[in-house]
Amino acid sequence: SQKRRQLEADERPGTGQTRSKKARRKGKLSLIVDMPLDILLEIFQHLQPLDLLHMARTTKSLRGIIMHRSAKTIWTASFALRPNFPECPPEMSLPAWARFLCDPHC
């Protein structure tokens, strides 16, 4: 059956143990959160606002970095890449403004 073939495909060679669902989900970029923070911040400064939102939605640790108040410089640099965007109103945060302008979902 299909379920049996899936279990056999998930067996670790030589151990007879199957991988957990969580282990199968990890991709090549799963180690990005282990990079030094200064390198991550430098990378994030070159992303568009919508890309930052998407990155923040990938893992809890990236969300913690990107949405933290100290990440305002990342968001400011990101908006500087889009000079045609209107200026953020004072009552909104930059991530909320990015979501309002870029995110197609309500």
N, C-alpha and C. Protein backbone atom coordinates (compact mmCIF):
# COMPACT_ATOMS: atom_id res chain seq x y z
N SER A 1 0.83 -1.18 0.00
CA SER A 1 0.00 0.00 0.00
C SER A 1 0.88 1.25 0.00
N GLN A 2 0.26 2.38 -0.27
CA GLN A 2 1.00 3.63 -0.36
C GLN A 2 1.60 4.03 0.98
N LYS A 3 0.86 3.82 2.06
CA LYS A 3 1.36 4.17 3.39
C LYS A 3 2.59 3.36 3.74
N ARG A 4 2.57 2.09 3.39
CA ARG A 4 3.71 1.21 3.68
C ARG A 4 4.93 1.64 2.90
N ARG A 5 4.75 2.00 1.61
CA ARG A 5 5.87 2.48 0.81
C ARG A 5 6.45 3.76 1.39
N GLN A 6 5.59 4.65 1.89
CA GLN A 6 6.06 5.90 2.50
C GLN A 6 6.89 5.61 3.74
N LEU A 7 6.43 4.67 4.57
CA LEU A 7 7.18 4.32 5.77
C LEU A 7 8.53 3.71 5.41
N GLU A 8 8.56 2.88 4.38
CA GLU A 8 9.82 2.28 3.96
C GLU A 8 10.77 3.33 3.41
N ALA A 9 10.22 4.31 2.70
CA ALA A 9 11.05 5.38 2.14
C ALA A 9 11.63 6.25 3.24
N ASP A 10 10.94 6.32 4.36
CA ASP A 10 11.39 7.17 5.46
C ASP A 10 12.32 6.45 6.42
N GLU A 11 12.59 5.18 6.21
CA GLU A 11 13.48 4.46 7.11
C GLU A 11 14.90 4.96 6.96
N ARG A 12 15.55 5.06 8.05
CA ARG A 12 16.96 5.43 8.02
C ARG A 12 17.75 4.18 7.66
N PRO A 13 18.69 4.29 6.76
CA PRO A 13 19.45 3.12 6.34
C PRO A 13 20.18 2.46 7.50
N GLY A 14 19.96 1.16 7.63
CA GLY A 14 20.68 0.38 8.64
C GLY A 14 20.13 0.44 10.04
N THR A 15 19.18 1.32 10.33
CA THR A 15 18.68 1.43 11.70
C THR A 15 17.30 0.87 11.87
N GLY A 16 16.52 0.82 10.78
CA GLY A 16 15.14 0.36 10.89
C GLY A 16 14.23 1.39 11.53
N GLN A 17 14.75 2.59 11.85
CA GLN A 17 13.95 3.65 12.46
C GLN A 17 13.44 4.59 11.37
N THR A 18 12.26 5.10 11.59
CA THR A 18 11.72 6.06 10.63
C THR A 18 12.00 7.48 11.11
N ARG A 19 12.09 8.37 10.13
CA ARG A 19 12.28 9.78 10.47
C ARG A 19 10.95 10.37 10.90
N SER A 20 11.00 11.31 11.80
CA SER A 20 9.78 11.98 12.22
C SER A 20 9.36 12.97 11.14
N LYS A 21 8.11 13.42 11.20
CA LYS A 21 7.63 14.41 10.23
C LYS A 21 8.44 15.68 10.31
N LYS A 22 8.81 16.07 11.52
CA LYS A 22 9.57 17.30 11.71
C LYS A 22 10.93 17.20 11.02
N ALA A 23 11.56 16.04 11.11
CA ALA A 23 12.87 15.87 10.48
C ALA A 23 12.75 15.93 8.97
N ARG A 24 11.66 15.44 8.41
CA ARG A 24 11.47 15.48 6.96
C ARG A 24 11.20 16.89 6.47
N ARG A 25 10.63 17.74 7.30
CA ARG A 25 10.27 19.08 6.87
C ARG A 25 11.45 20.03 6.80
N LYS A 26 12.51 19.74 7.52
CA LYS A 26 13.64 20.66 7.53
C LYS A 26 14.28 20.71 6.15
N GLY A 27 14.48 21.90 5.66
CA GLY A 27 15.06 22.08 4.35
C GLY A 27 16.50 22.56 4.44
N LYS A 28 17.02 22.94 3.32
CA LYS A 28 18.41 23.38 3.25
C LYS A 28 18.65 24.69 3.99
N LEU A 29 17.60 25.49 4.13
CA LEU A 29 17.75 26.78 4.80
C LEU A 29 17.46 26.71 6.29
N SER A 30 17.31 25.51 6.84
CA SER A 30 16.97 25.39 8.25
C SER A 30 18.09 25.88 9.16
N LEU A 31 19.30 25.95 8.65
CA LEU A 31 20.43 26.40 9.47
C LEU A 31 20.63 27.91 9.44
N ILE A 32 19.76 28.62 8.71
CA ILE A 32 19.91 30.07 8.62
C ILE A 32 19.80 30.73 9.99
N VAL A 33 18.99 30.16 10.88
CA VAL A 33 18.83 30.77 12.19
C VAL A 33 20.07 30.56 13.07
N ASP A 34 20.97 29.68 12.65
CA ASP A 34 22.21 29.47 13.40
C ASP A 34 23.33 30.40 12.96
N MET A 35 23.06 31.22 11.94
CA MET A 35 24.07 32.16 11.47
C MET A 35 24.26 33.28 12.50
N PRO A 36 25.42 33.91 12.51
CA PRO A 36 25.62 35.05 13.41
C PRO A 36 24.61 36.15 13.11
N LEU A 37 24.15 36.80 14.17
CA LEU A 37 23.10 37.80 14.05
C LEU A 37 23.50 38.97 13.15
N ASP A 38 24.73 39.42 13.22
CA ASP A 38 25.14 40.55 12.40
C ASP A 38 25.09 40.22 10.91
N ILE A 39 25.35 38.98 10.54
CA ILE A 39 25.27 38.57 9.14
C ILE A 39 23.80 38.53 8.70
N LEU A 40 22.95 37.98 9.56
CA LEU A 40 21.52 37.95 9.25
C LEU A 40 20.97 39.36 9.05
N LEU A 41 21.32 40.26 9.94
CA LEU A 41 20.83 41.63 9.84
C LEU A 41 21.31 42.30 8.55
N GLU A 42 22.53 42.01 8.17
CA GLU A 42 23.06 42.57 6.92
C GLU A 42 22.29 42.03 5.71
N ILE A 43 21.96 40.76 5.73
CA ILE A 43 21.19 40.16 4.64
C ILE A 43 19.78 40.76 4.60
N PHE A 44 19.15 40.87 5.76
CA PHE A 44 17.78 41.35 5.83
C PHE A 44 17.65 42.79 5.34
N GLN A 45 18.70 43.59 5.47
CA GLN A 45 18.64 44.98 5.03
C GLN A 45 18.51 45.10 3.52
N HIS A 46 18.80 44.03 2.79
CA HIS A 46 18.74 44.06 1.33
C HIS A 46 17.45 43.44 0.79
N LEU A 47 16.52 43.10 1.68
CA LEU A 47 15.25 42.50 1.26
C LEU A 47 14.17 43.56 1.13
N GLN A 48 13.23 43.32 0.25
CA GLN A 48 12.07 44.18 0.10
C GLN A 48 11.15 44.00 1.30
N PRO A 49 10.27 44.94 1.61
CA PRO A 49 9.37 44.81 2.75
C PRO A 49 8.52 43.54 2.74
N LEU A 50 8.00 43.17 1.58
CA LEU A 50 7.19 41.95 1.51
C LEU A 50 8.04 40.71 1.77
N ASP A 51 9.28 40.73 1.31
CA ASP A 51 10.18 39.60 1.56
C ASP A 51 10.49 39.47 3.05
N LEU A 52 10.64 40.60 3.73
CA LEU A 52 10.85 40.57 5.18
C LEU A 52 9.64 39.96 5.89
N LEU A 53 8.45 40.34 5.45
CA LEU A 53 7.25 39.75 6.03
C LEU A 53 7.22 38.24 5.82
N HIS A 54 7.56 37.80 4.63
CA HIS A 54 7.58 36.37 4.35
C HIS A 54 8.63 35.66 5.21
N MET A 55 9.79 36.26 5.37
CA MET A 55 10.83 35.65 6.22
C MET A 55 10.36 35.56 7.66
N ALA A 56 9.67 36.59 8.13
CA ALA A 56 9.19 36.59 9.51
C ALA A 56 8.14 35.51 9.75
N ARG A 57 7.49 35.08 8.70
CA ARG A 57 6.46 34.05 8.83
C ARG A 57 6.98 32.63 8.69
N THR A 58 8.29 32.47 8.49
CA THR A 58 8.82 31.12 8.28
C THR A 58 9.06 30.38 9.59
N THR A 59 9.74 31.01 10.54
CA THR A 59 10.01 30.35 11.83
C THR A 59 9.82 31.34 12.97
N LYS A 60 9.62 30.80 14.16
CA LYS A 60 9.46 31.67 15.33
C LYS A 60 10.73 32.46 15.62
N SER A 61 11.87 31.84 15.43
CA SER A 61 13.12 32.54 15.73
C SER A 61 13.37 33.70 14.76
N LEU A 62 13.07 33.48 13.47
CA LEU A 62 13.22 34.59 12.53
C LEU A 62 12.20 35.68 12.80
N ARG A 63 11.00 35.29 13.17
CA ARG A 63 9.99 36.29 13.52
C ARG A 63 10.46 37.13 14.71
N GLY A 64 11.05 36.47 15.69
CA GLY A 64 11.56 37.19 16.84
C GLY A 64 12.63 38.21 16.49
N ILE A 65 13.45 37.88 15.51
CA ILE A 65 14.51 38.79 15.08
C ILE A 65 13.94 39.94 14.25
N ILE A 66 13.12 39.59 13.27
CA ILE A 66 12.65 40.59 12.31
C ILE A 66 11.60 41.53 12.90
N MET A 67 10.77 41.01 13.79
CA MET A 67 9.69 41.83 14.34
C MET A 67 10.05 42.54 15.65
N HIS A 68 11.26 42.34 16.14
CA HIS A 68 11.68 42.99 17.37
C HIS A 68 11.84 44.49 17.14
N ARG A 69 11.59 45.26 18.18
CA ARG A 69 11.69 46.73 18.06
C ARG A 69 13.08 47.18 17.62
N SER A 70 14.10 46.44 18.00
CA SER A 70 15.47 46.83 17.64
C SER A 70 15.76 46.59 16.15
N ALA A 71 14.85 45.96 15.43
CA ALA A 71 15.04 45.70 14.01
C ALA A 71 14.52 46.85 13.14
N LYS A 72 14.27 47.98 13.73
CA LYS A 72 13.73 49.12 12.98
C LYS A 72 14.68 49.52 11.85
N THR A 73 15.97 49.40 12.05
CA THR A 73 16.93 49.75 11.00
C THR A 73 16.79 48.84 9.79
N ILE A 74 16.45 47.58 10.03
CA ILE A 74 16.23 46.65 8.92
C ILE A 74 15.04 47.12 8.09
N TRP A 75 13.96 47.45 8.76
CA TRP A 75 12.76 47.89 8.07
C TRP A 75 12.98 49.23 7.36
N THR A 76 13.70 50.13 8.00
CA THR A 76 14.00 51.43 7.38
C THR A 76 14.81 51.23 6.10
N ALA A 77 15.81 50.36 6.16
CA ALA A 77 16.63 50.08 4.97
C ALA A 77 15.80 49.40 3.89
N SER A 78 14.89 48.54 4.29
CA SER A 78 14.03 47.85 3.34
C SER A 78 13.11 48.84 2.62
N PHE A 79 12.53 49.77 3.36
CA PHE A 79 11.67 50.77 2.73
C PHE A 79 12.47 51.74 1.88
N ALA A 80 13.74 51.95 2.20
CA ALA A 80 14.58 52.83 1.39
C ALA A 80 14.80 52.24 -0.01
N LEU A 81 14.68 50.92 -0.13
CA LEU A 81 14.80 50.28 -1.44
C LEU A 81 13.59 50.58 -2.33
N ARG A 82 12.51 51.02 -1.73
CA ARG A 82 11.26 51.33 -2.44
C ARG A 82 10.90 52.80 -2.22
N PRO A 83 11.60 53.73 -2.86
CA PRO A 83 11.35 55.15 -2.62
C PRO A 83 9.95 55.62 -3.05
N ASN A 84 9.27 54.82 -3.88
CA ASN A 84 7.94 55.22 -4.32
C ASN A 84 6.85 54.89 -3.30
N PHE A 85 7.20 54.18 -2.22
CA PHE A 85 6.22 53.87 -1.18
C PHE A 85 5.90 55.13 -0.39
N PRO A 86 4.64 55.29 0.02
CA PRO A 86 4.31 56.43 0.89
C PRO A 86 4.95 56.26 2.26
N GLU A 87 5.14 57.38 2.92
CA GLU A 87 5.76 57.36 4.24
C GLU A 87 4.83 56.72 5.27
N CYS A 88 5.43 56.03 6.22
CA CYS A 88 4.68 55.32 7.27
C CYS A 88 4.02 56.32 8.21
N PRO A 89 2.73 56.16 8.48
CA PRO A 89 2.07 57.04 9.45
C PRO A 89 2.64 56.82 10.86
N PRO A 90 2.65 57.84 11.69
CA PRO A 90 3.27 57.71 13.02
C PRO A 90 2.54 56.71 13.94
N GLU A 91 1.27 56.45 13.68
CA GLU A 91 0.54 55.52 14.56
C GLU A 91 0.73 54.06 14.18
N MET A 92 1.46 53.78 13.10
CA MET A 92 1.69 52.40 12.67
C MET A 92 3.16 52.04 12.76
N SER A 93 3.41 50.77 13.01
CA SER A 93 4.80 50.27 12.96
C SER A 93 5.17 50.01 11.50
N LEU A 94 6.46 49.93 11.23
CA LEU A 94 6.90 49.66 9.87
C LEU A 94 6.45 48.29 9.37
N PRO A 95 6.51 47.22 10.20
CA PRO A 95 5.99 45.93 9.72
C PRO A 95 4.49 45.98 9.40
N ALA A 96 3.72 46.69 10.22
CA ALA A 96 2.28 46.82 9.96
C ALA A 96 2.04 47.60 8.68
N TRP A 97 2.84 48.62 8.45
CA TRP A 97 2.72 49.43 7.24
C TRP A 97 3.09 48.59 6.00
N ALA A 98 4.13 47.78 6.13
CA ALA A 98 4.53 46.90 5.03
C ALA A 98 3.42 45.90 4.72
N ARG A 99 2.80 45.39 5.75
CA ARG A 99 1.69 44.45 5.54
C ARG A 99 0.52 45.14 4.86
N PHE A 100 0.23 46.34 5.28
CA PHE A 100 -0.87 47.11 4.69
C PHE A 100 -0.62 47.39 3.21
N LEU A 101 0.62 47.76 2.87
CA LEU A 101 0.94 48.12 1.48
C LEU A 101 1.14 46.93 0.57
N CYS A 102 1.75 45.86 1.08
CA CYS A 102 2.23 44.79 0.21
C CYS A 102 1.45 43.49 0.28
N ASP A 103 0.92 43.17 1.42
CA ASP A 103 0.31 41.85 1.61
C ASP A 103 -1.05 41.81 0.89
N PRO A 104 -1.26 40.81 0.03
CA PRO A 104 -2.53 40.75 -0.70
C PRO A 104 -3.70 40.25 0.14
N HIS A 105 -3.44 39.76 1.34
CA HIS A 105 -4.50 39.24 2.21
C HIS A 105 -4.96 40.30 3.20
N CYS A 106 -6.22 40.27 3.53
CA CYS A 106 -6.78 41.22 4.50
C CYS A 106 -6.49 40.78 5.92
